[in-house]
């Protein structure tokens, strides 16, 4: 029994420690059947009808706002100040700016690891300094804004950490009772629903939604001509928890992996709802990232597992993920 339990406990402890440390071409041709004159007339009418609505995609000035999933935590090259924001020059905002051919003075990335919505309107203290209020980067001239935030407000990292802890406790109980079985099928889910029938995580997601709704109003006031894109979170886990066994083993119960998938879906659902209500565009990353979660192979994953590859942060997008995310965001911007 000890030989099968110890690696699981070590991985679970590593998961909790790492997390605590890291804290969707509209073109058509209609030749018709009535000869060259009829075809030309049809094309002319189509062009006249299309031209009033064929607005060009937004360009710069572009301001990127967000947390560590936007900043590109630990991905080389790390740029900007303060350094503890862990902002990468190869994160999706930088790649979007490059894809739009924006000059350096037309792009400003003020994202910062660990950011919550309160850090958009007030300064954020980090280990080596202070990141100014992110919304202060917005001006009346700003034409493009991406916002990737909400996970820290909803306490999602804390939820993942708590699930690791809850499962570790459950495993230890099994060791003490000399049983190879878990005491509970879903200790983390039980922790957050603790007999009351209410879901503490859902309450946090709802409260985060209220704050994000206010932030989006503030963005509109500061940059009334800007096109705003709310960026969702890529999938951390596969829909089928069994696919995580090679990576996580029994460190987290299968039912709790399903619980985490459910909570992330609620978080992304809230972001879409708030974006729609504010007249912003929601960019879904969960769909495109299917099959690229942290339990996928190293050559496929966009998000790193608890024990990440060198140069990446645990449970965060890697360089490949940031590049793929930029492609999804660019597609949304260019229509």
Protein backbone atom coordinates (compact mmCIF):
# COMPACT_ATOMS: atom_id res chain seq x y z
CA UNK A 1 0.00 0.00 0.00
CA UNK A 2 2.63 2.65 0.85
CA UNK A 3 4.35 2.22 -2.51
CA UNK A 4 1.20 3.18 -4.38
CA UNK A 5 0.20 5.99 -2.02
CA UNK A 6 3.42 7.95 -1.61
CA UNK A 7 3.72 9.17 -5.27
CA UNK A 8 0.10 10.24 -5.16
CA UNK A 9 0.64 12.17 -1.95
CA UNK A 10 3.81 13.75 -3.35
CA UNK A 11 2.02 14.86 -6.53
CA UNK A 12 -0.90 16.23 -4.55
CA UNK A 13 1.37 18.15 -2.22
CA UNK A 14 3.27 19.45 -5.26
CA UNK A 15 0.00 20.56 -6.84
CA UNK A 16 -1.08 22.49 -3.79
CA UNK A 17 2.33 24.08 -3.31
CA UNK A 18 2.70 25.06 -6.98
CA UNK A 19 -0.73 26.60 -7.10
CA UNK A 20 -0.17 28.56 -3.92
CA UNK A 21 3.10 29.85 -5.35
CA UNK A 22 1.66 30.77 -8.75
CA UNK A 23 -1.25 32.07 -7.48
CA UNK A 24 -15.92 31.88 -32.73
CA UNK A 25 -15.74 34.93 -44.00
CA UNK A 26 -18.78 36.04 -44.87
CA UNK A 27 -18.28 35.99 -48.63
CA UNK A 28 -20.55 34.69 -51.38
CA UNK A 29 -20.79 34.88 -55.15
CA UNK A 30 -24.07 34.73 -57.03
CA UNK A 31 -23.58 34.25 -60.77
CA UNK A 32 -27.30 33.99 -61.42
CA UNK A 33 -28.66 32.41 -64.59
CA UNK A 34 -29.56 35.45 -66.64
CA UNK A 35 -26.35 36.28 -68.56
CA UNK A 36 -23.51 38.70 -67.98
CA UNK A 37 -25.68 41.80 -67.47
CA UNK A 38 -27.83 40.08 -64.87
CA UNK A 39 -24.79 38.72 -63.05
CA UNK A 40 -23.15 42.15 -62.97
CA UNK A 41 -26.38 43.69 -61.66
CA UNK A 42 -26.60 41.06 -58.94
CA UNK A 43 -22.99 41.70 -57.90
CA UNK A 44 -23.55 45.43 -57.81
CA UNK A 45 -26.61 45.06 -55.60
CA UNK A 46 -24.73 42.66 -53.32
CA UNK A 47 -21.84 45.10 -53.01
CA UNK A 48 -24.17 48.01 -52.26
CA UNK A 49 -25.94 46.00 -49.60
CA UNK A 50 -22.73 44.78 -48.00
CA UNK A 51 -20.71 47.99 -47.94
CA UNK A 52 -22.64 49.86 -45.19
CA UNK A 53 -22.10 46.99 -42.72
CA UNK A 54 -18.56 45.97 -43.74
CA UNK A 55 -16.83 47.84 -40.94
CA UNK A 56 -13.07 47.27 -40.77
CA UNK A 57 -11.71 45.40 -37.75
CA UNK A 58 -10.48 47.54 -34.87
CA UNK A 59 -6.76 48.23 -34.71
CA UNK A 60 -4.89 50.51 -32.36
CA UNK A 61 -4.39 51.99 -29.97
CA UNK A 62 -4.79 48.61 -28.25
CA UNK A 63 -4.76 48.06 -24.47
CA UNK A 64 -4.56 44.58 -22.94
CA UNK A 65 -5.95 44.09 -19.43
CA UNK A 66 -5.90 40.95 -17.37
CA UNK A 67 -4.38 38.44 -14.98
CA UNK A 68 -1.67 35.78 -15.29
CA UNK A 69 -3.48 33.93 -18.09
CA UNK A 70 -3.16 37.13 -20.11
CA UNK A 71 0.27 38.12 -18.84
CA UNK A 72 1.90 34.84 -19.86
CA UNK A 73 3.40 33.92 -16.54
CA UNK A 74 7.02 32.69 -16.76
CA UNK A 75 6.98 32.46 -20.58
CA UNK A 76 10.13 33.87 -22.17
CA UNK A 77 10.81 36.67 -22.80
CA UNK A 78 9.61 38.30 -19.59
CA UNK A 79 9.20 42.02 -20.17
CA UNK A 80 8.04 45.23 -18.51
CA UNK A 81 7.84 46.42 -14.97
CA UNK A 82 7.20 45.41 -12.31
CA UNK A 83 8.88 42.09 -12.99
CA UNK A 84 6.63 40.21 -10.58
CA UNK A 85 3.70 40.77 -12.93
CA UNK A 86 5.40 38.03 -14.97
CA UNK A 87 4.37 39.62 -18.27
CA UNK A 88 5.62 37.89 -21.41
CA UNK A 89 6.60 39.44 -24.72
CA UNK A 90 5.12 36.30 -26.31
CA UNK A 91 1.72 36.37 -24.59
CA UNK A 92 -1.49 36.49 -26.63
CA UNK A 93 -1.86 40.30 -26.47
CA UNK A 94 1.67 40.78 -27.87
CA UNK A 95 0.98 38.25 -30.63
CA UNK A 96 -2.38 39.89 -31.40
CA UNK A 97 -0.65 43.28 -31.67
CA UNK A 98 1.87 41.72 -34.04
CA UNK A 99 -0.92 40.10 -36.06
CA UNK A 100 -2.58 43.51 -36.42
CA UNK A 101 0.76 45.08 -37.43
CA UNK A 102 0.55 47.63 -34.65
CA UNK A 103 3.45 49.95 -33.96
CA UNK A 104 4.97 49.84 -30.49
CA UNK A 105 3.26 53.10 -29.49
CA UNK A 106 -0.12 51.65 -30.52
CA UNK A 107 -0.02 48.76 -28.03
CA UNK A 108 0.07 48.71 -24.26
CA UNK A 109 -0.03 45.55 -22.16
CA UNK A 110 -0.75 46.27 -18.49
CA UNK A 111 -1.83 42.76 -17.45
CA UNK A 112 -0.37 41.39 -14.24
CA UNK A 113 -0.25 37.97 -12.62
CA UNK A 114 -2.52 37.66 -9.61
CA UNK A 115 -4.76 40.52 -10.74
CA UNK A 116 -8.35 40.76 -9.58
CA UNK A 117 -10.98 43.20 -10.81
CA UNK A 118 -10.05 45.59 -8.01
CA UNK A 119 -6.58 45.83 -9.54
CA UNK A 120 -8.11 47.28 -12.68
CA UNK A 121 -9.24 50.40 -10.85
CA UNK A 122 -6.56 50.54 -8.13
CA UNK A 123 -2.83 49.79 -7.89
CA UNK A 124 -1.73 46.19 -7.43
CA UNK A 125 1.17 45.50 -5.11
CA UNK A 126 3.45 42.68 -6.22
CA UNK A 127 6.70 41.31 -4.86
CA UNK A 128 9.00 43.87 -6.49
CA UNK A 129 6.80 46.94 -6.78
CA UNK A 130 3.37 48.17 -7.79
CA UNK A 131 1.46 47.75 -11.02
CA UNK A 132 -0.62 50.90 -11.63
CA UNK A 133 -4.39 50.62 -11.95
CA UNK A 134 -4.81 48.85 -15.27
CA UNK A 135 -7.73 50.97 -16.46
CA UNK A 136 -5.51 54.05 -16.23
CA UNK A 137 -3.93 52.87 -19.51
CA UNK A 138 -7.23 53.53 -21.30
CA UNK A 139 -7.83 56.84 -23.08
CA UNK A 140 -10.47 58.34 -25.32
CA UNK A 141 -8.24 57.37 -28.27
CA UNK A 142 -8.18 53.66 -27.39
CA UNK A 143 -9.85 51.60 -30.13
CA UNK A 144 -9.25 48.02 -29.00
CA UNK A 145 -9.41 46.46 -25.54
CA UNK A 146 -9.01 42.85 -24.47
CA UNK A 147 -9.97 41.87 -20.93
CA UNK A 148 -8.98 38.53 -19.46
CA UNK A 149 -9.87 38.44 -15.78
CA UNK A 150 -12.22 36.90 -13.22
CA UNK A 151 -10.54 33.64 -12.23
CA UNK A 152 -8.84 35.17 -9.20
CA UNK A 153 -12.03 36.99 -8.15
CA UNK A 154 -13.90 33.69 -8.30
CA UNK A 155 -11.10 32.11 -6.28
CA UNK A 156 -10.58 29.45 -8.94
CA UNK A 157 -6.94 28.78 -8.08
CA UNK A 158 -7.93 28.46 -4.43
CA UNK A 159 -10.65 26.00 -5.45
CA UNK A 160 -8.14 23.85 -7.34
CA UNK A 161 -5.79 24.01 -4.37
CA UNK A 162 -8.55 23.10 -1.93
CA UNK A 163 -9.48 20.12 -4.10
CA UNK A 164 -5.87 18.94 -3.93
CA UNK A 165 -5.84 19.36 -0.16
CA UNK A 166 -9.23 17.69 0.31
CA UNK A 167 -8.12 14.70 -1.73
CA UNK A 168 -4.83 14.48 0.15
CA UNK A 169 -6.71 14.36 3.45
CA UNK A 170 -8.98 11.69 2.01
CA UNK A 171 -5.98 9.62 0.89
CA UNK A 172 -4.30 9.93 4.27
CA UNK A 173 -7.49 8.80 5.99
CA UNK A 174 -7.46 5.76 3.74
CA UNK A 175 -3.86 5.01 4.70
CA UNK A 176 -4.64 5.32 8.41
CA UNK A 177 -7.63 3.02 8.08
CA UNK A 178 -5.49 0.63 5.99
CA UNK A 179 -7.89 0.91 3.07
CA UNK A 180 -7.01 1.29 -0.60
CA UNK A 181 -10.34 3.00 -1.18
CA UNK A 182 -11.17 6.67 -0.77
CA UNK A 183 -13.31 7.69 2.17
CA UNK A 184 -15.34 9.94 -0.14
CA UNK A 185 -15.97 9.82 -3.89
CA UNK A 186 -15.83 13.61 -4.14
CA UNK A 187 -14.34 15.25 -1.03
CA UNK A 188 -13.83 18.61 -2.72
CA UNK A 189 -17.41 18.88 -4.00
CA UNK A 190 -18.63 17.94 -0.53
CA UNK A 191 -16.38 20.61 1.00
CA UNK A 192 -17.91 23.40 -1.10
CA UNK A 193 -21.48 22.20 -0.77
CA UNK A 194 -21.08 21.08 2.86
CA UNK A 195 -24.58 19.84 3.54
CA UNK A 196 -26.26 23.18 2.88
CA UNK A 197 -27.13 22.38 -0.72
CA UNK A 198 -25.59 25.70 -1.78
CA UNK A 199 -22.41 26.05 -3.80
CA UNK A 200 -19.82 28.42 -2.38
CA UNK A 201 -17.90 28.52 -5.69
CA UNK A 202 -21.00 29.53 -7.63
CA UNK A 203 -21.59 32.38 -5.20
CA UNK A 204 -18.06 33.63 -5.77
CA UNK A 205 -18.51 33.40 -9.55
CA UNK A 206 -21.75 35.39 -9.33
CA UNK A 207 -20.11 38.05 -7.15
CA UNK A 208 -17.20 38.28 -9.60
CA UNK A 209 -19.73 38.78 -12.38
CA UNK A 210 -21.18 41.82 -10.64
CA UNK A 211 -17.72 43.38 -10.40
CA UNK A 212 -16.85 42.59 -14.01
CA UNK A 213 -20.12 44.14 -15.15
CA UNK A 214 -19.08 47.35 -13.40
CA UNK A 215 -15.58 47.19 -14.91
CA UNK A 216 -17.00 46.89 -18.41
CA UNK A 217 -19.12 50.00 -17.81
CA UNK A 218 -16.01 51.82 -16.65
CA UNK A 219 -14.08 50.72 -19.77
CA UNK A 220 -16.88 52.11 -21.94
CA UNK A 221 -16.79 55.45 -20.14
CA UNK A 222 -13.03 55.80 -20.47
CA UNK A 223 -12.80 54.54 -24.07
CA UNK A 224 -16.22 55.04 -25.67
CA UNK A 225 -14.97 54.29 -29.20
CA UNK A 226 -13.14 51.09 -28.28
CA UNK A 227 -14.21 47.61 -29.33
CA UNK A 228 -14.02 45.44 -26.22
CA UNK A 229 -13.30 41.72 -26.19
CA UNK A 230 -13.77 39.66 -23.02
CA UNK A 231 -11.44 36.68 -23.18
CA UNK A 232 -12.57 33.41 -21.64
CA UNK A 233 -10.32 30.82 -20.02
CA UNK A 234 -8.96 27.78 -21.90
CA UNK A 235 -9.97 24.36 -20.64
CA UNK A 236 -7.78 23.10 -17.82
CA UNK A 237 -9.13 19.55 -17.77
CA UNK A 238 -10.66 17.14 -20.29
CA UNK A 239 -14.37 16.44 -20.30
CA UNK A 240 -13.58 12.84 -19.36
CA UNK A 241 -11.59 12.81 -16.10
CA UNK A 242 -10.27 9.34 -16.93
CA UNK A 243 -7.98 10.98 -19.48
CA UNK A 244 -6.10 12.61 -16.60
CA UNK A 245 -5.04 9.39 -14.92
CA UNK A 246 -1.65 9.25 -16.71
CA UNK A 247 -0.82 12.78 -15.50
CA UNK A 248 -2.53 13.12 -12.14
CA UNK A 249 -2.93 9.51 -11.13
CA UNK A 250 -5.23 9.37 -8.12
CA UNK A 251 -4.10 12.71 -6.74
CA UNK A 252 -7.58 14.11 -7.40
CA UNK A 253 -10.76 12.03 -7.34
CA UNK A 254 -12.44 11.61 -10.73
CA UNK A 255 -15.64 13.15 -9.37
CA UNK A 256 -13.68 16.19 -8.19
CA UNK A 257 -12.06 16.60 -11.59
CA UNK A 258 -15.60 16.68 -13.00
CA UNK A 259 -16.48 19.26 -10.33
CA UNK A 260 -13.57 21.47 -11.44
CA UNK A 261 -14.67 21.20 -15.09
CA UNK A 262 -18.18 22.24 -14.03
CA UNK A 263 -16.86 25.25 -12.08
CA UNK A 264 -14.75 26.45 -15.01
CA UNK A 265 -17.76 26.19 -17.31
CA UNK A 266 -19.69 28.36 -14.86
CA UNK A 267 -16.86 30.91 -14.82
CA UNK A 268 -16.74 31.13 -18.62
CA UNK A 269 -20.53 31.25 -18.75
CA UNK A 270 -20.53 34.21 -16.40
CA UNK A 271 -17.92 36.04 -18.53
CA UNK A 272 -20.02 35.51 -21.68
CA UNK A 273 -23.15 36.74 -19.94
CA UNK A 274 -21.42 39.90 -18.73
CA UNK A 275 -19.81 40.55 -22.12
CA UNK A 276 -23.16 40.20 -23.90
CA UNK A 277 -24.87 42.52 -21.42
CA UNK A 278 -22.18 45.18 -21.90
CA UNK A 279 -22.18 45.02 -25.70
CA UNK A 280 -18.70 43.49 -25.69
CA UNK A 281 -17.56 40.42 -27.63
CA UNK A 282 -16.93 37.21 -25.71
CA UNK A 283 -14.04 35.15 -27.06
CA UNK A 284 -14.46 31.48 -26.17
CA UNK A 285 -11.20 29.65 -25.55
CA UNK A 286 -12.68 26.57 -23.88
CA UNK A 287 -14.03 25.16 -27.15
CA UNK A 288 -10.87 25.67 -29.23
CA UNK A 289 -8.71 24.31 -26.42
CA UNK A 290 -10.56 20.98 -26.22
CA UNK A 291 -7.96 18.24 -26.43
CA UNK A 292 -5.22 20.67 -25.40
CA UNK A 293 -5.78 20.61 -21.62
CA UNK A 294 -3.09 20.00 -19.03
CA UNK A 295 -3.62 16.24 -19.24
CA UNK A 296 -2.92 16.13 -22.98
CA UNK A 297 0.49 15.11 -24.24
CA UNK A 298 3.37 17.55 -24.02
CA UNK A 299 3.21 18.19 -27.77
CA UNK A 300 -0.52 19.00 -27.63
CA UNK A 301 -1.25 20.78 -24.39
CA UNK A 302 -1.86 24.53 -24.15
CA UNK A 303 -1.96 24.45 -20.34
CA UNK A 304 0.74 22.96 -18.15
CA UNK A 305 0.07 20.30 -15.48
CA UNK A 306 1.02 20.70 -11.78
CA UNK A 307 4.59 19.69 -12.59
CA UNK A 308 5.20 21.93 -15.63
CA UNK A 309 7.81 21.89 -18.36
CA UNK A 310 10.75 24.21 -17.82
CA UNK A 311 9.94 27.83 -18.58
CA UNK A 312 6.23 27.43 -17.84
CA UNK A 313 4.00 27.97 -14.82
CA UNK A 314 1.87 25.18 -13.34
CA UNK A 315 -1.81 25.19 -14.30
CA UNK A 316 -1.18 28.10 -16.71
CA UNK A 317 -0.95 28.44 -20.50
CA UNK A 318 2.44 27.61 -22.00
CA UNK A 319 4.03 29.35 -25.01
CA UNK A 320 2.13 27.09 -27.43
CA UNK A 321 -1.09 27.89 -25.61
CA UNK A 322 -0.50 31.65 -25.77
CA UNK A 323 0.17 31.38 -29.52
CA UNK A 324 -2.98 29.34 -30.08
CA UNK A 325 -5.03 31.71 -27.92
CA UNK A 326 -3.77 34.68 -29.96
CA UNK A 327 -5.05 32.98 -33.12
CA UNK A 328 -8.53 32.62 -31.63
CA UNK A 329 -8.56 36.23 -30.44
CA UNK A 330 -7.30 37.52 -33.80
CA UNK A 331 -10.01 35.57 -35.61
CA UNK A 332 -12.64 37.19 -33.38
CA UNK A 333 -11.19 40.67 -33.97
CA UNK A 334 -10.86 40.28 -37.74
CA UNK A 335 -14.27 38.64 -38.04
